[in-house]
C-alpha atoms as a PDB file:
ATOM      1  CA  MET A   1      39.090 104.043 102.888  1.00  0.00           C
ATOM      2  CA  LEU A   2      36.246 106.606 101.803  1.00  0.00           C
ATOM      3  CA  VAL A   3      34.781 107.657  98.310  1.00  0.00           C
ATOM      4  CA  LEU A   4      33.386 111.455  98.134  1.00  0.00           C
ATOM      5  CA  PHE A   5      31.126 111.811  95.431  1.00  0.00           C
ATOM      6  CA  ASP A   6      29.260 114.968  94.621  1.00  0.00           C
ATOM      7  CA  ILE A   7      25.370 114.863  93.480  1.00  0.00           C
ATOM      8  CA  ASP A   8      25.035 116.757  90.527  1.00  0.00           C
ATOM      9  CA  GLY A   9      26.344 115.739  87.568  1.00  0.00           C
ATOM     10  CA  THR A  10      27.870 113.599  89.061  1.00  0.00           C
ATOM     11  CA  LEU A  11      25.852 110.409  90.331  1.00  0.00           C
ATOM     12  CA  LEU A  12      22.806 112.240  88.802  1.00  0.00           C
ATOM     13  CA  GLN A  13      20.862 114.507  86.519  1.00  0.00           C
ATOM     14  CA  SER A  14      18.079 116.408  87.585  1.00  0.00           C
ATOM     15  CA  GLN A  15      17.010 118.538  84.555  1.00  0.00           C
ATOM     16  CA  HIS A  16      17.603 121.494  86.770  1.00  0.00           C
ATOM     17  CA  ALA A  17      14.951 120.585  89.041  1.00  0.00           C
ATOM     18  CA  GLY A  18      17.269 122.574  92.511  1.00  0.00           C
ATOM     19  CA  MET A  19      17.077 125.608  90.241  1.00  0.00           C
ATOM     20  CA  HIS A  20      13.062 125.580  89.562  1.00  0.00           C
ATOM     21  CA  ALA A  21      11.821 125.095  93.005  1.00  0.00           C
ATOM     22  CA  MET A  22      14.967 127.927  94.114  1.00  0.00           C
ATOM     23  CA  VAL A  23      13.237 129.702  91.946  1.00  0.00           C
ATOM     24  CA  ASP A  24       9.654 129.157  93.030  1.00  0.00           C
ATOM     25  CA  ALA A  25      11.203 129.725  96.842  1.00  0.00           C
ATOM     26  CA  PHE A  26      12.122 132.621  95.964  1.00  0.00           C
ATOM     27  CA  GLN A  27       9.408 133.709  94.063  1.00  0.00           C
ATOM     28  CA  GLU A  28       7.364 132.197  97.683  1.00  0.00           C
ATOM     29  CA  MET A  29       8.698 134.699  99.995  1.00  0.00           C
ATOM     30  CA  HIS A  30       9.090 138.227  97.621  1.00  0.00           C
ATOM     31  CA  ILE A  31       5.647 137.730  96.009  1.00  0.00           C
ATOM     32  CA  GLY A  32       5.191 140.015  93.438  1.00  0.00           C
ATOM     33  CA  LYS A  33       9.059 140.199  92.076  1.00  0.00           C
ATOM     34  CA  THR A  34      10.053 137.945  89.187  1.00  0.00           C
ATOM     35  CA  PHE A  35      13.531 136.216  90.766  1.00  0.00           C
ATOM     36  CA  SER A  36      15.892 134.474  87.524  1.00  0.00           C
ATOM     37  CA  PHE A  37      19.109 132.996  87.227  1.00  0.00           C
ATOM     38  CA  ASP A  38      20.619 135.256  84.635  1.00  0.00           C
ATOM     39  CA  GLY A  39      23.667 136.646  85.003  1.00  0.00           C
ATOM     40  CA  ILE A  40      24.580 134.160  88.041  1.00  0.00           C
ATOM     41  CA  ASP A  41      27.153 130.965  87.952  1.00  0.00           C
ATOM     42  CA  ILE A  42      25.644 128.385  89.511  1.00  0.00           C
ATOM     43  CA  ALA A  43      27.962 124.535  87.807  1.00  0.00           C
ATOM     44  CA  GLY A  44      29.541 123.418  90.415  1.00  0.00           C
ATOM     45  CA  ARG A  45      28.807 126.019  93.614  1.00  0.00           C
ATOM     46  CA  LEU A  46      27.834 125.891  96.955  1.00  0.00           C
ATOM     47  CA  ASP A  47      24.395 127.185  97.257  1.00  0.00           C
ATOM     48  CA  SER A  48      24.929 128.816  99.746  1.00  0.00           C
ATOM     49  CA  LEU A  49      26.803 130.792  97.707  1.00  0.00           C
ATOM     50  CA  ILE A  50      24.165 130.707  95.117  1.00  0.00           C
ATOM     51  CA  TRP A  51      21.660 132.072  97.118  1.00  0.00           C
ATOM     52  CA  LYS A  52      23.851 135.049  98.158  1.00  0.00           C
ATOM     53  CA  ASP A  53      23.956 136.168  94.512  1.00  0.00           C
ATOM     54  CA  MET A  54      20.375 136.093  94.279  1.00  0.00           C
ATOM     55  CA  VAL A  55      19.551 137.737  96.988  1.00  0.00           C
ATOM     56  CA  ARG A  56      22.337 140.859  95.907  1.00  0.00           C
ATOM     57  CA  ARG A  57      21.003 140.462  92.573  1.00  0.00           C
ATOM     58  CA  HIS A  58      17.788 140.903  93.335  1.00  0.00           C
ATOM     59  CA  GLU A  59      17.816 143.532  96.373  1.00  0.00           C
ATOM     60  CA  VAL A  60      16.395 141.253  98.813  1.00  0.00           C
ATOM     61  CA  ALA A  61      17.147 140.308 102.430  1.00  0.00           C
ATOM     62  CA  GLU A  62      20.304 138.965 102.645  1.00  0.00           C
ATOM     63  CA  ASP A  63      20.452 137.461 106.867  1.00  0.00           C
ATOM     64  CA  ALA A  64      20.546 134.387 108.481  1.00  0.00           C
ATOM     65  CA  ASP A  65      16.928 134.228 109.554  1.00  0.00           C
ATOM     66  CA  SER A  66      16.311 134.910 105.821  1.00  0.00           C
ATOM     67  CA  HIS A  67      18.665 132.218 104.575  1.00  0.00           C
ATOM     68  CA  GLU A  68      16.414 129.596 106.656  1.00  0.00           C
ATOM     69  CA  VAL A  69      14.026 130.238 105.834  1.00  0.00           C
ATOM     70  CA  PHE A  70      14.949 130.226 101.963  1.00  0.00           C
ATOM     71  CA  ARG A  71      16.155 126.974 102.810  1.00  0.00           C
ATOM     72  CA  GLU A  72      13.409 125.834 104.223  1.00  0.00           C
ATOM     73  CA  THR A  73      10.732 126.981 101.147  1.00  0.00           C
ATOM     74  CA  TYR A  74      13.301 125.521  99.148  1.00  0.00           C
ATOM     75  CA  GLN A  75      12.895 122.321 100.346  1.00  0.00           C
ATOM     76  CA  ARG A  76       9.463 122.108  99.971  1.00  0.00           C
ATOM     77  CA  HIS A  77       9.286 123.214  97.131  1.00  0.00           C
ATOM     78  CA  LEU A  78      11.569 120.274  95.354  1.00  0.00           C
ATOM     79  CA  ALA A  79      10.633 117.679  97.265  1.00  0.00           C
ATOM     80  CA  LYS A  80       6.579 119.024  96.246  1.00  0.00           C
ATOM     81  CA  ARG A  81       8.206 119.174  92.355  1.00  0.00           C
ATOM     82  CA  LEU A  82       9.769 115.973  92.802  1.00  0.00           C
ATOM     83  CA  GLN A  83       6.978 114.482  93.702  1.00  0.00           C
ATOM     84  CA  LYS A  84       4.573 115.774  91.503  1.00  0.00           C
ATOM     85  CA  THR A  85       7.514 114.950  88.183  1.00  0.00           C
ATOM     86  CA  ASN A  86      10.234 113.315  89.132  1.00  0.00           C
ATOM     87  CA  THR A  87      13.230 114.132  86.865  1.00  0.00           C
ATOM     88  CA  VAL A  88      15.886 113.031  88.731  1.00  0.00           C
ATOM     89  CA  LYS A  89      17.518 109.609  87.494  1.00  0.00           C
ATOM     90  CA  ALA A  90      20.848 108.536  88.455  1.00  0.00           C
ATOM     91  CA  PHE A  91      23.645 107.640  85.963  1.00  0.00           C
ATOM     92  CA  ASP A  92      24.069 104.611  84.297  1.00  0.00           C
ATOM     93  CA  GLY A  93      25.781 102.140  86.830  1.00  0.00           C
ATOM     94  CA  VAL A  94      25.796 104.354  89.767  1.00  0.00           C
ATOM     95  CA  ALA A  95      23.606 102.852  91.287  1.00  0.00           C
ATOM     96  CA  GLU A  96      25.253  99.376  90.727  1.00  0.00           C
ATOM     97  CA  LEU A  97      28.558 101.022  92.001  1.00  0.00           C
ATOM     98  CA  VAL A  98      27.252 102.182  95.030  1.00  0.00           C
ATOM     99  CA  GLU A  99      25.845  98.827  96.221  1.00  0.00           C
ATOM    100  CA  ARG A 100      28.663  97.082  94.848  1.00  0.00           C
ATOM    101  CA  LEU A 101      31.465  99.357  97.621  1.00  0.00           C
ATOM    102  CA  VAL A 102      28.082 100.039 100.156  1.00  0.00           C
ATOM    103  CA  GLN A 103      29.415  95.519 100.834  1.00  0.00           C
ATOM    104  CA  GLU A 104      33.138  96.313 100.398  1.00  0.00           C
ATOM    105  CA  PRO A 105      34.022  95.845 104.199  1.00  0.00           C
ATOM    106  CA  ASN A 106      36.536  99.049 104.769  1.00  0.00           C
ATOM    107  CA  VAL A 107      34.516 101.757 102.090  1.00  0.00           C
ATOM    108  CA  GLU A 108      33.044 104.387 103.213  1.00  0.00           C
ATOM    109  CA  LEU A 109      30.825 106.251 101.322  1.00  0.00           C
ATOM    110  CA  GLY A 110      30.042 110.091 101.769  1.00  0.00           C
ATOM    111  CA  LEU A 111      28.480 112.735  99.230  1.00  0.00           C
ATOM    112  CA  LEU A 112      31.064 116.179  99.058  1.00  0.00           C
ATOM    113  CA  THR A 113      28.508 118.692  97.034  1.00  0.00           C
ATOM    114  CA  GLY A 114      27.176 121.964  97.226  1.00  0.00           C
ATOM    115  CA  ASN A 115      23.392 121.154  97.549  1.00  0.00           C
ATOM    116  CA  TYR A 116      22.025 122.197 100.927  1.00  0.00           C
ATOM    117  CA  PRO A 117      21.873 119.302 103.243  1.00  0.00           C
ATOM    118  CA  ALA A 118      17.997 118.398 103.230  1.00  0.00           C
ATOM    119  CA  THR A 119      17.776 118.638  99.220  1.00  0.00           C
ATOM    120  CA  GLY A 120      20.782 116.833  98.383  1.00  0.00           C
ATOM    121  CA  ARG A 121      19.851 114.190 100.291  1.00  0.00           C
ATOM    122  CA  LEU A 122      16.132 114.179  98.357  1.00  0.00           C
ATOM    123  CA  LYS A 123      17.692 114.164  95.318  1.00  0.00           C
ATOM    124  CA  VAL A 124      19.477 111.338  96.214  1.00  0.00           C
ATOM    125  CA  GLU A 125      16.719 109.707  97.007  1.00  0.00           C
ATOM    126  CA  PHE A 126      14.674 111.076  93.947  1.00  0.00           C
ATOM    127  CA  ALA A 127      17.665 109.191  91.915  1.00  0.00           C
ATOM    128  CA  GLY A 128      17.002 105.796  94.285  1.00  0.00           C
ATOM    129  CA  LEU A 129      19.750 105.669  95.469  1.00  0.00           C
ATOM    130  CA  ARG A 130      19.924 105.376  99.369  1.00  0.00           C
ATOM    131  CA  PRO A 131      20.702 108.656 100.998  1.00  0.00           C
ATOM    132  CA  GLU A 132      21.408 106.674 104.357  1.00  0.00           C
ATOM    133  CA  HIS A 133      24.340 104.574 102.234  1.00  0.00           C
ATOM    134  CA  PHE A 134      26.601 108.545 101.759  1.00  0.00           C
ATOM    135  CA  GLU A 135      27.661 108.326 106.281  1.00  0.00           C
ATOM    136  CA  VAL A 136      30.355 111.336 105.857  1.00  0.00           C
ATOM    137  CA  ASN A 137      29.385 114.118 103.897  1.00  0.00           C
ATOM    138  CA  ALA A 138      30.240 117.952 103.677  1.00  0.00           C
ATOM    139  CA  PHE A 139      27.547 119.671 102.200  1.00  0.00           C
ATOM    140  CA  ALA A 140      26.721 123.726 101.099  1.00  0.00           C
ATOM    141  CA  GLY A 141      27.069 125.749 104.502  1.00  0.00           C
ATOM    142  CA  ASP A 142      29.682 123.424 106.016  1.00  0.00           C
ATOM    143  CA  GLY A 143      31.943 125.564 104.818  1.00  0.00           C
ATOM    144  CA  THR A 144      32.207 129.154 102.715  1.00  0.00           C
ATOM    145  CA  THR A 145      34.016 127.144  99.675  1.00  0.00           C
ATOM    146  CA  ARG A 146      33.666 124.212  97.518  1.00  0.00           C
ATOM    147  CA  ARG A 147      37.238 123.784  98.924  1.00  0.00           C
ATOM    148  CA  ASP A 148      36.787 124.028 102.535  1.00  0.00           C
ATOM    149  CA  LEU A 149      34.192 120.780 101.726  1.00  0.00           C
ATOM    150  CA  PRO A 150      37.465 118.019 101.883  1.00  0.00           C
ATOM    151  CA  PRO A 151      38.641 118.483 104.955  1.00  0.00           C
ATOM    152  CA  ILE A 152      35.991 118.874 106.566  1.00  0.00           C
ATOM    153  CA  ALA A 153      34.452 115.598 105.248  1.00  0.00           C
ATOM    154  CA  LEU A 154      38.422 114.145 106.095  1.00  0.00           C
ATOM    155  CA  ARG A 155      38.032 115.452 110.196  1.00  0.00           C
ATOM    156  CA  ARG A 156      34.518 114.037 110.232  1.00  0.00           C
ATOM    157  CA  TYR A 157      35.754 110.627 108.898  1.00  0.00           C
ATOM    158  CA  ARG A 158      38.094 110.856 111.932  1.00  0.00           C
ATOM    159  CA  GLU A 159      35.610 111.407 114.076  1.00  0.00           C
ATOM    160  CA  LYS A 160      33.014 108.551 113.382  1.00  0.00           C
ATOM    161  CA  HIS A 161      36.329 106.482 113.136  1.00  0.00           C
ATOM    162  CA  GLY A 162      38.827 107.333 115.486  1.00  0.00           C
ATOM    163  CA  ARG A 163      40.916 107.418 112.936  1.00  0.00           C
ATOM    164  CA  ASP A 164      42.698 109.270 109.457  1.00  0.00           C
ATOM    165  CA  ILE A 165      42.380 107.762 106.110  1.00  0.00           C
END
C-alpha cells in the first residue's frame, strides 16, 4: 500500500515561512525591487507555477537558469528563517500516525506536494518528522500541473518495487 501525504495543510502548518522565504529570495536576486504575492493564487499550487506567476507579475527573467538560482536562494532563505525561528509545526497526531504507518510491513509512505524537493524536506524535518520515512515522492518540478503528480508517484513506486500497487 502506498500512502501519499501533502505537506502544507496536511502534515504541518508553517505560518507562511515558505512565502516569506520566497519573497526574501526574489528580493535578494533583484535588489531594489519589491515583491509580493498580491493577486497571485498560491493555495495548493506547484512552487514552480507560483515562481512563474511571480516573475511575470514583477517582470523579471523567466528562464531555467534564473529558476534554478531562485530555487537555491529560496532553500537557503527558508533554512535560515527556520533555524532562526522554527514556525513549522506538525498537526496533532501526525508524528504518531507516520511512525505507526512506518512500522506496517506493507505500507510505503510518500509525499505528493507542490513544494520543491529540498524545501519540502526542510519543512518536514523542521516539523519534527523524518524525511527518510517518505520514500516515494512527487514534487513541484516533477510535473507541469498538480494533476501530473499522482501518476508520477505511482510510477516511482512501480520502479522501486517492480510491481503496481
